C-alpha atoms as a PDB file:
ATOM      1  CA  MET A   1       4.513  13.245 -22.471  1.00  0.00           C
ATOM      2  CA  THR A   2       3.512  13.393 -18.805  1.00  0.00           C
ATOM      3  CA  PRO A   3       4.598  10.215 -16.968  1.00  0.00           C
ATOM      4  CA  PHE A   4       1.856   7.663 -16.318  1.00  0.00           C
ATOM      5  CA  LEU A   5       1.650   7.314 -12.518  1.00  0.00           C
ATOM      6  CA  VAL A   6       0.433   4.032 -11.048  1.00  0.00           C
ATOM      7  CA  ALA A   7      -0.390   3.561  -7.354  1.00  0.00           C
ATOM      8  CA  ILE A   8       0.029   0.017  -6.039  1.00  0.00           C
ATOM      9  CA  ALA A   9      -1.658   0.083  -2.632  1.00  0.00           C
ATOM     10  CA  GLY A  10      -2.760  -2.601  -0.197  1.00  0.00           C
ATOM     11  CA  GLY A  11      -2.124  -3.966   3.260  1.00  0.00           C
ATOM     12  CA  SER A  12       1.241  -4.716   4.785  1.00  0.00           C
ATOM     13  CA  GLY A  13       2.318  -8.151   3.576  1.00  0.00           C
ATOM     14  CA  SER A  14      -0.031  -8.166   0.596  1.00  0.00           C
ATOM     15  CA  GLY A  15       2.926  -8.484  -1.770  1.00  0.00           C
ATOM     16  CA  LYS A  16       3.030  -4.954  -3.175  1.00  0.00           C
ATOM     17  CA  SER A  17       6.823  -4.714  -3.434  1.00  0.00           C
ATOM     18  CA  VAL A  18       7.247  -8.062  -5.184  1.00  0.00           C
ATOM     19  CA  LEU A  19       4.359  -7.303  -7.528  1.00  0.00           C
ATOM     20  CA  THR A  20       5.741  -3.855  -8.348  1.00  0.00           C
ATOM     21  CA  LEU A  21       9.130  -5.263  -9.334  1.00  0.00           C
ATOM     22  CA  ALA A  22       7.501  -8.018 -11.387  1.00  0.00           C
ATOM     23  CA  ILE A  23       5.326  -5.500 -13.250  1.00  0.00           C
ATOM     24  CA  ALA A  24       8.344  -3.301 -13.918  1.00  0.00           C
ATOM     25  CA  THR A  25      10.218  -6.291 -15.354  1.00  0.00           C
ATOM     26  CA  ALA A  26       7.251  -7.305 -17.508  1.00  0.00           C
ATOM     27  CA  LEU A  27       6.817  -3.787 -18.925  1.00  0.00           C
ATOM     28  CA  GLY A  28      10.453  -3.674 -19.970  1.00  0.00           C
ATOM     29  CA  PRO A  29      13.694  -1.904 -18.992  1.00  0.00           C
ATOM     30  CA  GLY A  30      13.970   1.806 -19.601  1.00  0.00           C
ATOM     31  CA  ARG A  31      10.223   2.261 -19.613  1.00  0.00           C
ATOM     32  CA  VAL A  32       9.543   2.120 -15.866  1.00  0.00           C
ATOM     33  CA  VAL A  33      10.874   3.522 -12.598  1.00  0.00           C
ATOM     34  CA  THR A  34       9.664   2.514  -9.137  1.00  0.00           C
ATOM     35  CA  LEU A  35       9.341   4.247  -5.785  1.00  0.00           C
ATOM     36  CA  ALA A  36       8.256   3.050  -2.328  1.00  0.00           C
ATOM     37  CA  HIS A  37       6.007   5.292  -0.236  1.00  0.00           C
ATOM     38  CA  ASP A  38       7.535   3.886   2.953  1.00  0.00           C
ATOM     39  CA  ARG A  39      10.802   5.657   2.169  1.00  0.00           C
ATOM     40  CA  TYR A  40       8.912   8.719   3.419  1.00  0.00           C
ATOM     41  CA  TYR A  41       8.451   7.608   7.009  1.00  0.00           C
ATOM     42  CA  ARG A  42       9.138  10.454   9.425  1.00  0.00           C
ATOM     43  CA  ASP A  43      12.634  10.656  10.901  1.00  0.00           C
ATOM     44  CA  ARG A  44      12.352   9.593  14.568  1.00  0.00           C
ATOM     45  CA  ARG A  45      15.913  10.416  15.667  1.00  0.00           C
ATOM     46  CA  ASP A  46      14.504  12.775  18.327  1.00  0.00           C
ATOM     47  CA  LEU A  47      13.074   9.778  20.216  1.00  0.00           C
ATOM     48  CA  LEU A  48      14.831   7.108  22.262  1.00  0.00           C
ATOM     49  CA  PRO A  49      15.055   3.687  20.545  1.00  0.00           C
ATOM     50  CA  ILE A  50      12.522   2.174  22.960  1.00  0.00           C
ATOM     51  CA  GLU A  51      10.093   5.018  22.190  1.00  0.00           C
ATOM     52  CA  ARG A  52      10.518   4.507  18.445  1.00  0.00           C
ATOM     53  CA  SER A  53       9.741   0.814  18.784  1.00  0.00           C
ATOM     54  CA  ARG A  54       6.393   1.618  20.399  1.00  0.00           C
ATOM     55  CA  LEU A  55       5.121   3.901  17.640  1.00  0.00           C
ATOM     56  CA  ASN A  56       2.439   2.866  15.167  1.00  0.00           C
ATOM     57  CA  TYR A  57       3.971   2.935  11.679  1.00  0.00           C
ATOM     58  CA  ASP A  58       0.771   1.937   9.864  1.00  0.00           C
ATOM     59  CA  VAL A  59      -1.146   5.190  10.321  1.00  0.00           C
ATOM     60  CA  PRO A  60      -1.130   8.243   8.003  1.00  0.00           C
ATOM     61  CA  ASP A  61       0.695  10.445  10.528  1.00  0.00           C
ATOM     62  CA  ALA A  62       3.703   8.102  10.453  1.00  0.00           C
ATOM     63  CA  LEU A  63       4.593   9.394   6.976  1.00  0.00           C
ATOM     64  CA  ASP A  64       6.061  12.693   5.802  1.00  0.00           C
ATOM     65  CA  GLN A  65       3.142  13.340   3.483  1.00  0.00           C
ATOM     66  CA  ALA A  66       4.129  16.934   2.719  1.00  0.00           C
ATOM     67  CA  LEU A  67       7.459  15.845   1.221  1.00  0.00           C
ATOM     68  CA  PHE A  68       5.800  12.965  -0.615  1.00  0.00           C
ATOM     69  CA  ARG A  69       3.192  15.277  -2.174  1.00  0.00           C
ATOM     70  CA  GLU A  70       5.980  17.607  -3.293  1.00  0.00           C
ATOM     71  CA  HIS A  71       7.889  14.743  -4.930  1.00  0.00           C
ATOM     72  CA  LEU A  72       4.743  13.315  -6.498  1.00  0.00           C
ATOM     73  CA  ALA A  73       3.959  16.691  -8.065  1.00  0.00           C
ATOM     74  CA  ALA A  74       7.491  16.896  -9.438  1.00  0.00           C
ATOM     75  CA  LEU A  75       7.231  13.436 -10.997  1.00  0.00           C
ATOM     76  CA  ARG A  76       3.962  14.400 -12.695  1.00  0.00           C
ATOM     77  CA  LEU A  77       5.772  17.359 -14.254  1.00  0.00           C
ATOM     78  CA  GLY A  78       8.527  15.081 -15.504  1.00  0.00           C
ATOM     79  CA  GLN A  79      11.061  16.414 -13.011  1.00  0.00           C
ATOM     80  CA  PRO A  80      13.586  14.239 -11.135  1.00  0.00           C
ATOM     81  CA  ILE A  81      13.399  13.784  -7.378  1.00  0.00           C
ATOM     82  CA  VAL A  82      15.830  12.677  -4.663  1.00  0.00           C
ATOM     83  CA  PRO A  83      13.870  10.462  -2.259  1.00  0.00           C
ATOM     84  CA  PRO A  84      14.935   9.965   1.358  1.00  0.00           C
ATOM     85  CA  GLU A  85      16.600   6.812   2.635  1.00  0.00           C
ATOM     86  CA  TYR A  86      14.939   5.246   5.652  1.00  0.00           C
ATOM     87  CA  CYS A  87      16.242   2.589   8.055  1.00  0.00           C
ATOM     88  CA  PHE A  88      13.537   0.233   9.318  1.00  0.00           C
ATOM     89  CA  VAL A  89      15.802  -1.089  12.072  1.00  0.00           C
ATOM     90  CA  THR A  90      16.550   2.269  13.721  1.00  0.00           C
ATOM     91  CA  HIS A  91      13.427   4.126  12.454  1.00  0.00           C
ATOM     92  CA  ARG A  92      15.647   6.988  11.314  1.00  0.00           C
ATOM     93  CA  ARG A  93      16.186   8.753   8.015  1.00  0.00           C
ATOM     94  CA  ASP A  94      19.644   7.956   6.657  1.00  0.00           C
ATOM     95  CA  GLY A  95      20.162  10.853   4.273  1.00  0.00           C
ATOM     96  CA  TRP A  96      19.018  10.906   0.663  1.00  0.00           C
ATOM     97  CA  GLY A  97      18.996   8.275  -2.031  1.00  0.00           C
ATOM     98  CA  THR A  98      19.822   8.130  -5.709  1.00  0.00           C
ATOM     99  CA  PRO A  99      17.925  10.647  -7.886  1.00  0.00           C
ATOM    100  CA  ILE A 100      14.911   9.225  -9.717  1.00  0.00           C
ATOM    101  CA  ALA A 101      14.082  10.653 -13.128  1.00  0.00           C
ATOM    102  CA  PRO A 102      10.553   9.806 -14.290  1.00  0.00           C
ATOM    103  CA  THR A 103      10.195   7.640 -17.377  1.00  0.00           C
ATOM    104  CA  GLU A 104       7.061   6.767 -19.329  1.00  0.00           C
ATOM    105  CA  ILE A 105       5.614   4.829 -16.372  1.00  0.00           C
ATOM    106  CA  VAL A 106       6.161   5.434 -12.649  1.00  0.00           C
ATOM    107  CA  LEU A 107       5.099   2.645 -10.267  1.00  0.00           C
ATOM    108  CA  ILE A 108       4.684   3.720  -6.634  1.00  0.00           C
ATOM    109  CA  GLU A 109       3.788   1.240  -3.922  1.00  0.00           C
ATOM    110  CA  GLY A 110       2.618   1.792  -0.341  1.00  0.00           C
ATOM    111  CA  ILE A 111      -0.072   0.849   2.134  1.00  0.00           C
ATOM    112  CA  LEU A 112      -1.671   4.307   2.379  1.00  0.00           C
ATOM    113  CA  LEU A 113      -1.414   5.677  -1.156  1.00  0.00           C
ATOM    114  CA  LEU A 114      -5.190   5.819  -1.538  1.00  0.00           C
ATOM    115  CA  HIS A 115      -5.967   7.362   1.857  1.00  0.00           C
ATOM    116  CA  ASP A 116      -5.099  11.020   1.212  1.00  0.00           C
ATOM    117  CA  PRO A 117      -7.440  12.453  -1.492  1.00  0.00           C
ATOM    118  CA  GLU A 118      -4.777  14.799  -2.874  1.00  0.00           C
ATOM    119  CA  ILE A 119      -2.285  11.971  -3.246  1.00  0.00           C
ATOM    120  CA  ARG A 120      -4.885   9.514  -4.546  1.00  0.00           C
ATOM    121  CA  ASP A 121      -6.069  11.902  -7.253  1.00  0.00           C
ATOM    122  CA  ALA A 122      -2.525  12.461  -8.520  1.00  0.00           C
ATOM    123  CA  PHE A 123      -2.384   8.921  -9.933  1.00  0.00           C
ATOM    124  CA  ASP A 124      -3.537   7.870 -13.388  1.00  0.00           C
ATOM    125  CA  LEU A 125      -4.262   4.314 -12.234  1.00  0.00           C
ATOM    126  CA  ARG A 126      -4.968   3.079  -8.713  1.00  0.00           C
ATOM    127  CA  ILE A 127      -4.402  -0.619  -7.960  1.00  0.00           C
ATOM    128  CA  PHE A 128      -5.239  -2.270  -4.628  1.00  0.00           C
ATOM    129  CA  VAL A 129      -3.466  -5.536  -3.810  1.00  0.00           C
ATOM    130  CA  ASP A 130      -5.553  -7.751  -1.537  1.00  0.00           C
ATOM    131  CA  ALA A 131      -4.564 -10.806   0.524  1.00  0.00           C
ATOM    132  CA  PRO A 132      -6.017 -12.644   3.546  1.00  0.00           C
ATOM    133  CA  ASP A 133      -4.710 -11.706   7.003  1.00  0.00           C
ATOM    134  CA  SER A 134      -3.125 -15.143   7.449  1.00  0.00           C
ATOM    135  CA  VAL A 135      -1.111 -14.738   4.246  1.00  0.00           C
ATOM    136  CA  ARG A 136      -0.068 -11.208   5.129  1.00  0.00           C
ATOM    137  CA  LEU A 137       1.064 -12.277   8.604  1.00  0.00           C
ATOM    138  CA  ARG A 138       3.123 -15.136   7.192  1.00  0.00           C
ATOM    139  CA  ARG A 139       4.832 -12.787   4.765  1.00  0.00           C
ATOM    140  CA  ARG A 140       5.479 -10.197   7.497  1.00  0.00           C
ATOM    141  CA  ILE A 141       7.150 -12.812   9.696  1.00  0.00           C
ATOM    142  CA  ALA A 142       9.361 -13.991   6.822  1.00  0.00           C
ATOM    143  CA  ARG A 143      10.380 -10.445   5.863  1.00  0.00           C
ATOM    144  CA  ASP A 144      10.871  -8.902   9.286  1.00  0.00           C
ATOM    145  CA  THR A 145      12.880 -11.790  10.718  1.00  0.00           C
ATOM    146  CA  SER A 146      15.229 -11.926   7.727  1.00  0.00           C
ATOM    147  CA  GLU A 147      15.535  -8.212   6.889  1.00  0.00           C
ATOM    148  CA  ARG A 148      14.764  -6.271  10.062  1.00  0.00           C
ATOM    149  CA  GLY A 149      16.234  -8.363  12.857  1.00  0.00           C
ATOM    150  CA  ARG A 150      12.961  -9.122  14.618  1.00  0.00           C
ATOM    151  CA  THR A 151      11.701 -12.308  16.235  1.00  0.00           C
ATOM    152  CA  PRO A 152       8.543 -14.107  15.082  1.00  0.00           C
ATOM    153  CA  ASP A 153       6.842 -13.360  18.418  1.00  0.00           C
ATOM    154  CA  ALA A 154       7.662  -9.649  18.087  1.00  0.00           C
ATOM    155  CA  VAL A 155       6.235  -9.558  14.545  1.00  0.00           C
ATOM    156  CA  ILE A 156       3.045 -11.316  15.621  1.00  0.00           C
ATOM    157  CA  ALA A 157       2.621  -8.933  18.570  1.00  0.00           C
ATOM    158  CA  GLN A 158       3.120  -5.897  16.318  1.00  0.00           C
ATOM    159  CA  CYS A 159       0.638  -7.166  13.731  1.00  0.00           C
ATOM    160  CA  ARG A 160      -2.016  -7.875  16.341  1.00  0.00           C
ATOM    161  CA  GLY A 161      -1.373  -4.659  18.269  1.00  0.00           C
ATOM    162  CA  THR A 162      -1.036  -2.053  15.514  1.00  0.00           C
ATOM    163  CA  VAL A 163      -0.725  -3.382  11.950  1.00  0.00           C
ATOM    164  CA  PHE A 164      -4.046  -5.206  11.612  1.00  0.00           C
ATOM    165  CA  PRO A 165      -6.142  -2.624  13.534  1.00  0.00           C
ATOM    166  CA  ALA A 166      -4.640   0.173  11.407  1.00  0.00           C
ATOM    167  CA  HIS A 167      -5.319  -1.874   8.280  1.00  0.00           C
ATOM    168  CA  THR A 168      -8.996  -2.177   9.240  1.00  0.00           C
ATOM    169  CA  ARG A 169      -9.292   1.539   9.984  1.00  0.00           C
ATOM    170  CA  TYR A 170      -7.143   3.174   7.297  1.00  0.00           C
ATOM    171  CA  VAL A 171      -6.179   0.738   4.529  1.00  0.00           C
ATOM    172  CA  GLU A 172      -9.090  -1.615   3.887  1.00  0.00           C
ATOM    173  CA  PRO A 173     -11.602   1.243   3.277  1.00  0.00           C
ATOM    174  CA  THR A 174      -9.393   2.590   0.467  1.00  0.00           C
ATOM    175  CA  LYS A 175     -10.023  -0.561  -1.572  1.00  0.00           C
ATOM    176  CA  ALA A 176     -13.248   1.099  -2.718  1.00  0.00           C
ATOM    177  CA  ARG A 177     -11.157   3.945  -4.183  1.00  0.00           C
ATOM    178  CA  ALA A 178      -9.118   1.652  -6.432  1.00  0.00           C
ATOM    179  CA  ASP A 179      -9.612   1.297 -10.188  1.00  0.00           C
ATOM    180  CA  LEU A 180      -8.430  -2.313 -10.036  1.00  0.00           C
ATOM    181  CA  VAL A 181      -8.395  -4.803  -7.116  1.00  0.00           C
ATOM    182  CA  LEU A 182      -6.104  -7.818  -7.412  1.00  0.00           C
ATOM    183  CA  LEU A 183      -6.054 -10.861  -5.115  1.00  0.00           C
ATOM    184  CA  ASN A 184      -2.438 -11.809  -4.447  1.00  0.00           C
ATOM    185  CA  ALA A 185      -2.612 -14.956  -2.334  1.00  0.00           C
ATOM    186  CA  GLY A 186      -1.251 -17.589  -4.706  1.00  0.00           C
ATOM    187  CA  ARG A 187       0.773 -17.627  -7.912  1.00  0.00           C
ATOM    188  CA  LEU A 188       2.138 -14.217  -8.848  1.00  0.00           C
ATOM    189  CA  ASP A 189       2.200 -14.664 -12.645  1.00  0.00           C
ATOM    190  CA  PRO A 190      -1.568 -14.236 -13.271  1.00  0.00           C
ATOM    191  CA  VAL A 191      -1.658 -11.113 -11.085  1.00  0.00           C
ATOM    192  CA  VAL A 192       1.282  -9.589 -12.960  1.00  0.00           C
ATOM    193  CA  GLU A 193      -0.334 -10.449 -16.291  1.00  0.00           C
ATOM    194  CA  VAL A 194      -3.587  -8.667 -15.415  1.00  0.00           C
ATOM    195  CA  ALA A 195      -1.883  -5.590 -13.968  1.00  0.00           C
ATOM    196  CA  THR A 196       0.515  -5.297 -16.875  1.00  0.00           C
ATOM    197  CA  ALA A 197      -2.258  -5.651 -19.451  1.00  0.00           C
ATOM    198  CA  VAL A 198      -4.304  -2.871 -17.815  1.00  0.00           C
ATOM    199  CA  ILE A 199      -1.296  -0.527 -17.602  1.00  0.00           C
ATOM    200  CA  ARG A 200      -0.347  -1.153 -21.231  1.00  0.00           C
ATOM    201  CA  ALA A 201      -3.917  -0.592 -22.414  1.00  0.00           C
ATOM    202  CA  GLN A 202      -4.297   2.687 -20.539  1.00  0.00           C
ATOM    203  CA  CYS A 203      -0.901   3.962 -21.682  1.00  0.00           C
ATOM    204  CA  ALA A 204      -1.771   3.110 -25.287  1.00  0.00           C
ATOM    205  CA  ARG A 205      -5.130   4.841 -24.939  1.00  0.00           C
ATOM    206  CA  ARG A 206      -3.472   7.985 -23.621  1.00  0.00           C
ATOM    207  CA  ARG A 207      -0.852   7.970 -26.375  1.00  0.00           C
ATOM    208  CA  GLY A 208      -3.639   7.662 -28.915  1.00  0.00           C
ATOM    209  CA  GLY A 209      -5.428  10.629 -27.396  1.00  0.00           C
ATOM    210  CA  HIS A 210      -2.291  12.740 -27.650  1.00  0.00           C
ATOM    211  CA  ASP A 211      -1.726  11.626 -31.239  1.00  0.00           C
ATOM    212  CA  ILE A 212      -5.308  12.596 -32.152  1.00  0.00           C
ATOM    213  CA  ALA A 213      -4.916  15.965 -30.469  1.00  0.00           C
ATOM    214  CA  ARG A 214      -1.706  16.698 -32.371  1.00  0.00           C
ATOM    215  CA  ALA A 215      -3.242  15.617 -35.675  1.00  0.00           C
ATOM    216  CA  ALA A 216      -6.196  17.957 -35.137  1.00  0.00           C
END
């Protein structure tokens, strides 16, 4: 059976990564694999470090969309992929990661998954994770200071200068393209429960359709 591809989109700091892992756990081991769209950021090794730090990483052109489309097509065909490894500290591609073989369900998360029509239409289910700007900023500060070696002031400046304007221009409009919009500003459990129930229902419906087709 063709893998069931789920896009988990939404703004930076909306909690997509945490939600994706929680959904994968709820659906059960061996049934799900996950992939992050931000592993496909362009390799910026041709630029000086100071030049890399000034780039806007929240716009469509920041991503290697051609490679991502190629890998997405392979996953739909049930073929394994080898995604790139990306370093968010140096803004460089650090080789290639562990191969990912698609299972019954593939969860892919990223801020711009619903922006490109070709990419958006490749998914069986499109989820948009929403959260207020204040919540997203708080989460960005916590993540970037602990994982990416940045100061709170630097994170705030980046969010005000590029992240939030890009969100308004490129990310927020894609909410209208989602099949399901989830508010993720409080307890995670209810959000996971809703998302998991929808995924299970759609997978069961598709399995039933295949069973009917075979029986006919």
